[in-house]
Amino acid sequence: FITPIDQEDILHLVQIIDDITDAI
């Protein structure tokens, strides 16, 4: 329910980071 930054921002960031590994 409570995260240090917005959940939406965390979701966005972790998806892009996952995309980096996929791209490699």
mmCIF file of all heavy atoms, coordinates in Angstrom:
data_MODEL
# 
_entry.id   MODEL 
# 
loop_
_atom_site.group_PDB 
_atom_site.id 
_atom_site.type_symbol 
_atom_site.label_atom_id 
_atom_site.label_alt_id 
_atom_site.label_comp_id 
_atom_site.label_asym_id 
_atom_site.label_entity_id 
_atom_site.label_seq_id 
_atom_site.pdbx_PDB_ins_code 
_atom_site.Cartn_x 
_atom_site.Cartn_y 
_atom_site.Cartn_z 
_atom_site.occupancy 
_atom_site.B_iso_or_equiv 
_atom_site.pdbx_formal_charge 
_atom_site.auth_seq_id 
_atom_site.auth_comp_id 
_atom_site.auth_asym_id 
_atom_site.auth_atom_id 
_atom_site.pdbx_PDB_model_num 
ATOM 1   N N   . PHE A 1 1  ? 0.816  -1.207  0.000   1.00 0.00 ? 1  PHE A N   1 
ATOM 2   C CA  . PHE A 1 1  ? 0.000  0.000   0.000   1.00 0.00 ? 1  PHE A CA  1 
ATOM 3   C C   . PHE A 1 1  ? 0.855  1.263   0.000   1.00 0.00 ? 1  PHE A C   1 
ATOM 4   O O   . PHE A 1 1  ? 0.477  2.283   -0.568  1.00 0.00 ? 1  PHE A O   1 
ATOM 5   C CB  . PHE A 1 1  ? -0.938 0.008   1.207   1.00 0.00 ? 1  PHE A CB  1 
ATOM 6   C CG  . PHE A 1 1  ? -1.976 -1.073  1.152   1.00 0.00 ? 1  PHE A CG  1 
ATOM 7   C CD1 . PHE A 1 1  ? -1.837 -2.225  1.912   1.00 0.00 ? 1  PHE A CD1 1 
ATOM 8   C CD2 . PHE A 1 1  ? -3.079 -0.954  0.323   1.00 0.00 ? 1  PHE A CD2 1 
ATOM 9   C CE1 . PHE A 1 1  ? -2.792 -3.231  1.849   1.00 0.00 ? 1  PHE A CE1 1 
ATOM 10  C CE2 . PHE A 1 1  ? -4.041 -1.953  0.263   1.00 0.00 ? 1  PHE A CE2 1 
ATOM 11  C CZ  . PHE A 1 1  ? -3.895 -3.097  1.022   1.00 0.00 ? 1  PHE A CZ  1 
ATOM 12  N N   . ILE A 1 2  ? 2.001  1.180   0.653   1.00 0.00 ? 2  ILE A N   1 
ATOM 13  C CA  . ILE A 1 2  ? 2.868  2.350   0.767   1.00 0.00 ? 2  ILE A CA  1 
ATOM 14  C C   . ILE A 1 2  ? 4.241  2.006   0.185   1.00 0.00 ? 2  ILE A C   1 
ATOM 15  O O   . ILE A 1 2  ? 4.857  1.015   0.559   1.00 0.00 ? 2  ILE A O   1 
ATOM 16  C CB  . ILE A 1 2  ? 3.030  2.789   2.234   1.00 0.00 ? 2  ILE A CB  1 
ATOM 17  C CG1 . ILE A 1 2  ? 1.661  3.153   2.823   1.00 0.00 ? 2  ILE A CG1 1 
ATOM 18  C CG2 . ILE A 1 2  ? 3.985  3.984   2.336   1.00 0.00 ? 2  ILE A CG2 1 
ATOM 19  C CD1 . ILE A 1 2  ? 1.692  3.467   4.299   1.00 0.00 ? 2  ILE A CD1 1 
ATOM 20  N N   . THR A 1 3  ? 4.692  2.819   -0.761  1.00 0.00 ? 3  THR A N   1 
ATOM 21  C CA  . THR A 1 3  ? 6.008  2.631   -1.375  1.00 0.00 ? 3  THR A CA  1 
ATOM 22  C C   . THR A 1 3  ? 6.782  3.947   -1.295  1.00 0.00 ? 3  THR A C   1 
ATOM 23  O O   . THR A 1 3  ? 6.181  5.017   -1.195  1.00 0.00 ? 3  THR A O   1 
ATOM 24  C CB  . THR A 1 3  ? 5.864  2.210   -2.853  1.00 0.00 ? 3  THR A CB  1 
ATOM 25  O OG1 . THR A 1 3  ? 5.018  3.135   -3.538  1.00 0.00 ? 3  THR A OG1 1 
ATOM 26  C CG2 . THR A 1 3  ? 5.275  0.812   -2.963  1.00 0.00 ? 3  THR A CG2 1 
ATOM 27  N N   . PRO A 1 4  ? 8.125  3.890   -1.322  1.00 0.00 ? 4  PRO A N   1 
ATOM 28  C CA  . PRO A 1 4  ? 8.931  5.106   -1.163  1.00 0.00 ? 4  PRO A CA  1 
ATOM 29  C C   . PRO A 1 4  ? 8.751  6.123   -2.285  1.00 0.00 ? 4  PRO A C   1 
ATOM 30  O O   . PRO A 1 4  ? 8.936  7.323   -2.086  1.00 0.00 ? 4  PRO A O   1 
ATOM 31  C CB  . PRO A 1 4  ? 10.364 4.576   -1.118  1.00 0.00 ? 4  PRO A CB  1 
ATOM 32  C CG  . PRO A 1 4  ? 10.308 3.248   -1.827  1.00 0.00 ? 4  PRO A CG  1 
ATOM 33  C CD  . PRO A 1 4  ? 8.966  2.693   -1.472  1.00 0.00 ? 4  PRO A CD  1 
ATOM 34  N N   . ILE A 1 5  ? 8.438  5.649   -3.474  1.00 0.00 ? 5  ILE A N   1 
ATOM 35  C CA  . ILE A 1 5  ? 8.063  6.495   -4.605  1.00 0.00 ? 5  ILE A CA  1 
ATOM 36  C C   . ILE A 1 5  ? 6.806  5.891   -5.209  1.00 0.00 ? 5  ILE A C   1 
ATOM 37  O O   . ILE A 1 5  ? 6.422  4.772   -4.871  1.00 0.00 ? 5  ILE A O   1 
ATOM 38  C CB  . ILE A 1 5  ? 9.196  6.593   -5.654  1.00 0.00 ? 5  ILE A CB  1 
ATOM 39  C CG1 . ILE A 1 5  ? 9.609  5.204   -6.151  1.00 0.00 ? 5  ILE A CG1 1 
ATOM 40  C CG2 . ILE A 1 5  ? 10.391 7.348   -5.101  1.00 0.00 ? 5  ILE A CG2 1 
ATOM 41  C CD1 . ILE A 1 5  ? 10.699 5.209   -7.221  1.00 0.00 ? 5  ILE A CD1 1 
ATOM 42  N N   . ASP A 1 6  ? 6.144  6.609   -6.089  1.00 0.00 ? 6  ASP A N   1 
ATOM 43  C CA  . ASP A 1 6  ? 4.880  6.131   -6.648  1.00 0.00 ? 6  ASP A CA  1 
ATOM 44  C C   . ASP A 1 6  ? 5.018  4.739   -7.262  1.00 0.00 ? 6  ASP A C   1 
ATOM 45  O O   . ASP A 1 6  ? 6.004  4.438   -7.937  1.00 0.00 ? 6  ASP A O   1 
ATOM 46  C CB  . ASP A 1 6  ? 4.389  7.084   -7.734  1.00 0.00 ? 6  ASP A CB  1 
ATOM 47  C CG  . ASP A 1 6  ? 3.860  8.389   -7.169  1.00 0.00 ? 6  ASP A CG  1 
ATOM 48  O OD1 . ASP A 1 6  ? 3.685  8.464   -5.934  1.00 0.00 ? 6  ASP A OD1 1 
ATOM 49  O OD2 . ASP A 1 6  ? 3.642  9.323   -7.956  1.00 0.00 ? 6  ASP A OD2 1 
ATOM 50  N N   . GLN A 1 7  ? 4.013  3.904   -7.014  1.00 0.00 ? 7  GLN A N   1 
ATOM 51  C CA  . GLN A 1 7  ? 4.015  2.562   -7.597  1.00 0.00 ? 7  GLN A CA  1 
ATOM 52  C C   . GLN A 1 7  ? 4.144  2.611   -9.116  1.00 0.00 ? 7  GLN A C   1 
ATOM 53  O O   . GLN A 1 7  ? 4.834  1.789   -9.716  1.00 0.00 ? 7  GLN A O   1 
ATOM 54  C CB  . GLN A 1 7  ? 2.729  1.818   -7.217  1.00 0.00 ? 7  GLN A CB  1 
ATOM 55  C CG  . GLN A 1 7  ? 2.734  1.206   -5.840  1.00 0.00 ? 7  GLN A CG  1 
ATOM 56  C CD  . GLN A 1 7  ? 1.711  0.095   -5.711  1.00 0.00 ? 7  GLN A CD  1 
ATOM 57  O OE1 . GLN A 1 7  ? 1.145  -0.364  -6.692  1.00 0.00 ? 7  GLN A OE1 1 
ATOM 58  N NE2 . GLN A 1 7  ? 1.479  -0.350  -4.479  1.00 0.00 ? 7  GLN A NE2 1 
ATOM 59  N N   . GLU A 1 8  ? 3.463  3.566   -9.726  1.00 0.00 ? 8  GLU A N   1 
ATOM 60  C CA  . GLU A 1 8  ? 3.506  3.697   -11.180 1.00 0.00 ? 8  GLU A CA  1 
ATOM 61  C C   . GLU A 1 8  ? 4.939  3.920   -11.667 1.00 0.00 ? 8  GLU A C   1 
ATOM 62  O O   . GLU A 1 8  ? 5.349  3.360   -12.692 1.00 0.00 ? 8  GLU A O   1 
ATOM 63  C CB  . GLU A 1 8  ? 2.621  4.857   -11.626 1.00 0.00 ? 8  GLU A CB  1 
ATOM 64  C CG  . GLU A 1 8  ? 2.549  5.040   -13.130 1.00 0.00 ? 8  GLU A CG  1 
ATOM 65  C CD  . GLU A 1 8  ? 1.644  6.189   -13.524 1.00 0.00 ? 8  GLU A CD  1 
ATOM 66  O OE1 . GLU A 1 8  ? 0.867  6.667   -12.679 1.00 0.00 ? 8  GLU A OE1 1 
ATOM 67  O OE2 . GLU A 1 8  ? 1.726  6.614   -14.700 1.00 0.00 ? 8  GLU A OE2 1 
ATOM 68  N N   . ASP A 1 9  ? 5.707  4.728   -10.933 1.00 0.00 ? 9  ASP A N   1 
ATOM 69  C CA  . ASP A 1 9  ? 7.098  4.987   -11.316 1.00 0.00 ? 9  ASP A CA  1 
ATOM 70  C C   . ASP A 1 9  ? 7.958  3.741   -11.146 1.00 0.00 ? 9  ASP A C   1 
ATOM 71  O O   . ASP A 1 9  ? 8.831  3.459   -11.977 1.00 0.00 ? 9  ASP A O   1 
ATOM 72  C CB  . ASP A 1 9  ? 7.674  6.129   -10.468 1.00 0.00 ? 9  ASP A CB  1 
ATOM 73  C CG  . ASP A 1 9  ? 7.030  7.468   -10.802 1.00 0.00 ? 9  ASP A CG  1 
ATOM 74  O OD1 . ASP A 1 9  ? 6.647  7.663   -11.965 1.00 0.00 ? 9  ASP A OD1 1 
ATOM 75  O OD2 . ASP A 1 9  ? 6.900  8.302   -9.893  1.00 0.00 ? 9  ASP A OD2 1 
ATOM 76  N N   . ILE A 1 10 ? 7.713  3.003   -10.069 1.00 0.00 ? 10 ILE A N   1 
ATOM 77  C CA  . ILE A 1 10 ? 8.460  1.756   -9.857  1.00 0.00 ? 10 ILE A CA  1 
ATOM 78  C C   . ILE A 1 10 ? 8.157  0.771   -10.979 1.00 0.00 ? 10 ILE A C   1 
ATOM 79  O O   . ILE A 1 10 ? 9.066  0.165   -11.556 1.00 0.00 ? 10 ILE A O   1 
ATOM 80  C CB  . ILE A 1 10 ? 8.121  1.133   -8.485  1.00 0.00 ? 10 ILE A CB  1 
ATOM 81  C CG1 . ILE A 1 10 ? 8.562  2.048   -7.344  1.00 0.00 ? 10 ILE A CG1 1 
ATOM 82  C CG2 . ILE A 1 10 ? 8.781  -0.245  -8.350  1.00 0.00 ? 10 ILE A CG2 1 
ATOM 83  C CD1 . ILE A 1 10 ? 8.147  1.561   -5.961  1.00 0.00 ? 10 ILE A CD1 1 
ATOM 84  N N   . LEU A 1 11 ? 6.877  0.623   -11.299 1.00 0.00 ? 11 LEU A N   1 
ATOM 85  C CA  . LEU A 1 11 ? 6.474  -0.290  -12.376 1.00 0.00 ? 11 LEU A CA  1 
ATOM 86  C C   . LEU A 1 11 ? 7.124  0.087   -13.698 1.00 0.00 ? 11 LEU A C   1 
ATOM 87  O O   . LEU A 1 11 ? 7.616  -0.779  -14.438 1.00 0.00 ? 11 LEU A O   1 
ATOM 88  C CB  . LEU A 1 11 ? 4.943  -0.277  -12.522 1.00 0.00 ? 11 LEU A CB  1 
ATOM 89  C CG  . LEU A 1 11 ? 4.144  -1.022  -11.459 1.00 0.00 ? 11 LEU A CG  1 
ATOM 90  C CD1 . LEU A 1 11 ? 2.663  -0.688  -11.590 1.00 0.00 ? 11 LEU A CD1 1 
ATOM 91  C CD2 . LEU A 1 11 ? 4.358  -2.521  -11.575 1.00 0.00 ? 11 LEU A CD2 1 
ATOM 92  N N   . HIS A 1 12 ? 7.113  1.375   -13.991 1.00 0.00 ? 12 HIS A N   1 
ATOM 93  C CA  . HIS A 1 12 ? 7.699  1.857   -15.243 1.00 0.00 ? 12 HIS A CA  1 
ATOM 94  C C   . HIS A 1 12 ? 9.192  1.558   -15.296 1.00 0.00 ? 12 HIS A C   1 
ATOM 95  O O   . HIS A 1 12 ? 9.710  1.034   -16.284 1.00 0.00 ? 12 HIS A O   1 
ATOM 96  C CB  . HIS A 1 12 ? 7.440  3.363   -15.359 1.00 0.00 ? 12 HIS A CB  1 
ATOM 97  C CG  . HIS A 1 12 ? 7.676  3.910   -16.724 1.00 0.00 ? 12 HIS A CG  1 
ATOM 98  N ND1 . HIS A 1 12 ? 7.595  5.252   -17.014 1.00 0.00 ? 12 HIS A ND1 1 
ATOM 99  C CD2 . HIS A 1 12 ? 8.005  3.308   -17.910 1.00 0.00 ? 12 HIS A CD2 1 
ATOM 100 C CE1 . HIS A 1 12 ? 7.852  5.442   -18.290 1.00 0.00 ? 12 HIS A CE1 1 
ATOM 101 N NE2 . HIS A 1 12 ? 8.111  4.283   -18.852 1.00 0.00 ? 12 HIS A NE2 1 
ATOM 102 N N   . LEU A 1 13 ? 9.880  1.859   -14.208 1.00 0.00 ? 13 LEU A N   1 
ATOM 103 C CA  . LEU A 1 13 ? 11.328 1.677   -14.168 1.00 0.00 ? 13 LEU A CA  1 
ATOM 104 C C   . LEU A 1 13 ? 11.720 0.213   -14.244 1.00 0.00 ? 13 LEU A C   1 
ATOM 105 O O   . LEU A 1 13 ? 12.618 -0.158  -15.016 1.00 0.00 ? 13 LEU A O   1 
ATOM 106 C CB  . LEU A 1 13 ? 11.903 2.318   -12.906 1.00 0.00 ? 13 LEU A CB  1 
ATOM 107 C CG  . LEU A 1 13 ? 13.423 2.257   -12.736 1.00 0.00 ? 13 LEU A CG  1 
ATOM 108 C CD1 . LEU A 1 13 ? 14.134 2.897   -13.920 1.00 0.00 ? 13 LEU A CD1 1 
ATOM 109 C CD2 . LEU A 1 13 ? 13.838 2.934   -11.430 1.00 0.00 ? 13 LEU A CD2 1 
ATOM 110 N N   . VAL A 1 14 ? 11.059 -0.641  -13.471 1.00 0.00 ? 14 VAL A N   1 
ATOM 111 C CA  . VAL A 1 14 ? 11.459 -2.061  -13.458 1.00 0.00 ? 14 VAL A CA  1 
ATOM 112 C C   . VAL A 1 14 ? 11.156 -2.728  -14.800 1.00 0.00 ? 14 VAL A C   1 
ATOM 113 O O   . VAL A 1 14 ? 11.856 -3.659  -15.205 1.00 0.00 ? 14 VAL A O   1 
ATOM 114 C CB  . VAL A 1 14 ? 10.807 -2.852  -12.293 1.00 0.00 ? 14 VAL A CB  1 
ATOM 115 C CG1 . VAL A 1 14 ? 11.223 -2.274  -10.954 1.00 0.00 ? 14 VAL A CG1 1 
ATOM 116 C CG2 . VAL A 1 14 ? 9.289  -2.904  -12.418 1.00 0.00 ? 14 VAL A CG2 1 
ATOM 117 N N   . GLN A 1 15 ? 10.125 -2.235  -15.515 1.00 0.00 ? 15 GLN A N   1 
ATOM 118 C CA  . GLN A 1 15 ? 9.839  -2.788  -16.836 1.00 0.00 ? 15 GLN A CA  1 
ATOM 119 C C   . GLN A 1 15 ? 10.936 -2.430  -17.822 1.00 0.00 ? 15 GLN A C   1 
ATOM 120 O O   . GLN A 1 15 ? 11.382 -3.276  -18.616 1.00 0.00 ? 15 GLN A O   1 
ATOM 121 C CB  . GLN A 1 15 ? 8.492  -2.277  -17.345 1.00 0.00 ? 15 GLN A CB  1 
ATOM 122 C CG  . GLN A 1 15 ? 8.108  -2.843  -18.709 1.00 0.00 ? 15 GLN A CG  1 
ATOM 123 C CD  . GLN A 1 15 ? 8.044  -4.353  -18.708 1.00 0.00 ? 15 GLN A CD  1 
ATOM 124 O OE1 . GLN A 1 15 ? 7.234  -4.946  -17.991 1.00 0.00 ? 15 GLN A OE1 1 
ATOM 125 N NE2 . GLN A 1 15 ? 8.890  -5.012  -19.510 1.00 0.00 ? 15 GLN A NE2 1 
ATOM 126 N N   . ILE A 1 16 ? 11.399 -1.185  -17.784 1.00 0.00 ? 16 ILE A N   1 
ATOM 127 C CA  . ILE A 1 16 ? 12.467 -0.777  -18.697 1.00 0.00 ? 16 ILE A CA  1 
ATOM 128 C C   . ILE A 1 16 ? 13.752 -1.544  -18.394 1.00 0.00 ? 16 ILE A C   1 
ATOM 129 O O   . ILE A 1 16 ? 14.455 -1.990  -19.309 1.00 0.00 ? 16 ILE A O   1 
ATOM 130 C CB  . ILE A 1 16 ? 12.721 0.745   -18.597 1.00 0.00 ? 16 ILE A CB  1 
ATOM 131 C CG1 . ILE A 1 16 ? 11.492 1.523   -19.044 1.00 0.00 ? 16 ILE A CG1 1 
ATOM 132 C CG2 . ILE A 1 16 ? 13.918 1.143   -19.472 1.00 0.00 ? 16 ILE A CG2 1 
ATOM 133 C CD1 . ILE A 1 16 ? 11.555 2.997   -18.714 1.00 0.00 ? 16 ILE A CD1 1 
ATOM 134 N N   . ILE A 1 17 ? 14.064 -1.710  -17.118 1.00 0.00 ? 17 ILE A N   1 
ATOM 135 C CA  . ILE A 1 17 ? 15.277 -2.449  -16.745 1.00 0.00 ? 17 ILE A CA  1 
ATOM 136 C C   . ILE A 1 17 ? 15.179 -3.896  -17.226 1.00 0.00 ? 17 ILE A C   1 
ATOM 137 O O   . ILE A 1 17 ? 16.157 -4.465  -17.723 1.00 0.00 ? 17 ILE A O   1 
ATOM 138 C CB  . ILE A 1 17 ? 15.512 -2.371  -15.228 1.00 0.00 ? 17 ILE A CB  1 
ATOM 139 C CG1 . ILE A 1 17 ? 15.838 -0.932  -14.822 1.00 0.00 ? 17 ILE A CG1 1 
ATOM 140 C CG2 . ILE A 1 17 ? 16.653 -3.306  -14.808 1.00 0.00 ? 17 ILE A CG2 1 
ATOM 141 C CD1 . ILE A 1 17 ? 15.877 -0.699  -13.321 1.00 0.00 ? 17 ILE A CD1 1 
ATOM 142 N N   . ASP A 1 18 ? 13.997 -4.481  -17.103 1.00 0.00 ? 18 ASP A N   1 
ATOM 143 C CA  . ASP A 1 18 ? 13.792 -5.835  -17.622 1.00 0.00 ? 18 ASP A CA  1 
ATOM 144 C C   . ASP A 1 18 ? 13.975 -5.854  -19.136 1.00 0.00 ? 18 ASP A C   1 
ATOM 145 O O   . ASP A 1 18 ? 14.558 -6.789  -19.697 1.00 0.00 ? 18 ASP A O   1 
ATOM 146 C CB  . ASP A 1 18 ? 12.388 -6.320  -17.253 1.00 0.00 ? 18 ASP A CB  1 
ATOM 147 C CG  . ASP A 1 18 ? 12.166 -7.778  -17.623 1.00 0.00 ? 18 ASP A CG  1 
ATOM 148 O OD1 . ASP A 1 18 ? 12.851 -8.647  -17.064 1.00 0.00 ? 18 ASP A OD1 1 
ATOM 149 O OD2 . ASP A 1 18 ? 11.304 -8.047  -18.485 1.00 0.00 ? 18 ASP A OD2 1 
ATOM 150 N N   . ASP A 1 19 ? 13.517 -4.800  -19.799 1.00 0.00 ? 19 ASP A N   1 
ATOM 151 C CA  . ASP A 1 19 ? 13.679 -4.699  -21.254 1.00 0.00 ? 19 ASP A CA  1 
ATOM 152 C C   . ASP A 1 19 ? 15.157 -4.630  -21.654 1.00 0.00 ? 19 ASP A C   1 
ATOM 153 O O   . ASP A 1 19 ? 15.535 -5.123  -22.727 1.00 0.00 ? 19 ASP A O   1 
ATOM 154 C CB  . ASP A 1 19 ? 12.960 -3.452  -21.779 1.00 0.00 ? 19 ASP A CB  1 
ATOM 155 C CG  . ASP A 1 19 ? 11.447 -3.571  -21.730 1.00 0.00 ? 19 ASP A CG  1 
ATOM 156 O OD1 . ASP A 1 19 ? 10.941 -4.700  -21.577 1.00 0.00 ? 19 ASP A OD1 1 
ATOM 157 O OD2 . ASP A 1 19 ? 10.768 -2.527  -21.825 1.00 0.00 ? 19 ASP A OD2 1 
ATOM 158 N N   . ILE A 1 20 ? 15.988 -4.016  -20.812 1.00 0.00 ? 20 ILE A N   1 
ATOM 159 C CA  . ILE A 1 20 ? 17.422 -3.926  -21.114 1.00 0.00 ? 20 ILE A CA  1 
ATOM 160 C C   . ILE A 1 20 ? 18.040 -5.321  -21.165 1.00 0.00 ? 20 ILE A C   1 
ATOM 161 O O   . ILE A 1 20 ? 18.764 -5.668  -22.107 1.00 0.00 ? 20 ILE A O   1 
ATOM 162 C CB  . ILE A 1 20 ? 18.160 -3.052  -20.082 1.00 0.00 ? 20 ILE A CB  1 
ATOM 163 C CG1 . ILE A 1 20 ? 17.690 -1.600  -20.171 1.00 0.00 ? 20 ILE A CG1 1 
ATOM 164 C CG2 . ILE A 1 20 ? 19.686 -3.122  -20.301 1.00 0.00 ? 20 ILE A CG2 1 
ATOM 165 C CD1 . ILE A 1 20 ? 18.169 -0.731  -19.019 1.00 0.00 ? 20 ILE A CD1 1 
ATOM 166 N N   . THR A 1 21 ? 17.752 -6.126  -20.152 1.00 0.00 ? 21 THR A N   1 
ATOM 167 C CA  . THR A 1 21 ? 18.291 -7.494  -20.138 1.00 0.00 ? 21 THR A CA  1 
ATOM 168 C C   . THR A 1 21 ? 17.776 -8.289  -21.330 1.00 0.00 ? 21 THR A C   1 
ATOM 169 O O   . THR A 1 21 ? 18.530 -9.038  -21.961 1.00 0.00 ? 21 THR A O   1 
ATOM 170 C CB  . THR A 1 21 ? 17.913 -8.212  -18.829 1.00 0.00 ? 21 THR A CB  1 
ATOM 171 O OG1 . THR A 1 21 ? 18.197 -7.369  -17.715 1.00 0.00 ? 21 THR A OG1 1 
ATOM 172 C CG2 . THR A 1 21 ? 18.707 -9.498  -18.666 1.00 0.00 ? 21 THR A CG2 1 
ATOM 173 N N   . ASP A 1 22 ? 16.496 -8.112  -21.648 1.00 0.00 ? 22 ASP A N   1 
ATOM 174 C CA  . ASP A 1 22 ? 15.931 -8.793  -22.810 1.00 0.00 ? 22 ASP A CA  1 
ATOM 175 C C   . ASP A 1 22 ? 16.635 -8.354  -24.097 1.00 0.00 ? 22 ASP A C   1 
ATOM 176 O O   . ASP A 1 22 ? 16.913 -9.180  -24.977 1.00 0.00 ? 22 ASP A O   1 
ATOM 177 C CB  . ASP A 1 22 ? 14.434 -8.484  -22.932 1.00 0.00 ? 22 ASP A CB  1 
ATOM 178 C CG  . ASP A 1 22 ? 13.595 -9.179  -21.873 1.00 0.00 ? 22 ASP A CG  1 
ATOM 179 O OD1 . ASP A 1 22 ? 14.111 -10.103 -21.218 1.00 0.00 ? 22 ASP A OD1 1 
ATOM 180 O OD2 . ASP A 1 22 ? 12.431 -8.782  -21.682 1.00 0.00 ? 22 ASP A OD2 1 
ATOM 181 N N   . ALA A 1 23 ? 16.916 -7.055  -24.206 1.00 0.00 ? 23 ALA A N   1 
ATOM 182 C CA  . ALA A 1 23 ? 17.560 -6.528  -25.415 1.00 0.00 ? 23 ALA A CA  1 
ATOM 183 C C   . ALA A 1 23 ? 18.969 -7.079  -25.581 1.00 0.00 ? 23 ALA A C   1 
ATOM 184 O O   . ALA A 1 23 ? 19.403 -7.374  -26.704 1.00 0.00 ? 23 ALA A O   1 
ATOM 185 C CB  . ALA A 1 23 ? 17.595 -4.999  -25.360 1.00 0.00 ? 23 ALA A CB  1 
ATOM 186 N N   . ILE A 1 24 ? 19.681 -7.218  -24.482 1.00 0.00 ? 24 ILE A N   1 
ATOM 187 C CA  . ILE A 1 24 ? 21.028 -7.804  -24.538 1.00 0.00 ? 24 ILE A CA  1 
ATOM 188 C C   . ILE A 1 24 ? 20.940 -9.261  -24.990 1.00 0.00 ? 24 ILE A C   1 
ATOM 189 O O   . ILE A 1 24 ? 21.723 -9.711  -25.838 1.00 0.00 ? 24 ILE A O   1 
ATOM 190 C CB  . ILE A 1 24 ? 21.723 -7.689  -23.165 1.00 0.00 ? 24 ILE A CB  1 
ATOM 191 C CG1 . ILE A 1 24 ? 21.974 -6.214  -22.825 1.00 0.00 ? 24 ILE A CG1 1 
ATOM 192 C CG2 . ILE A 1 24 ? 23.041 -8.467  -23.154 1.00 0.00 ? 24 ILE A CG2 1 
ATOM 193 C CD1 . ILE A 1 24 ? 22.455 -5.979  -21.398 1.00 0.00 ? 24 ILE A CD1 1 
# 
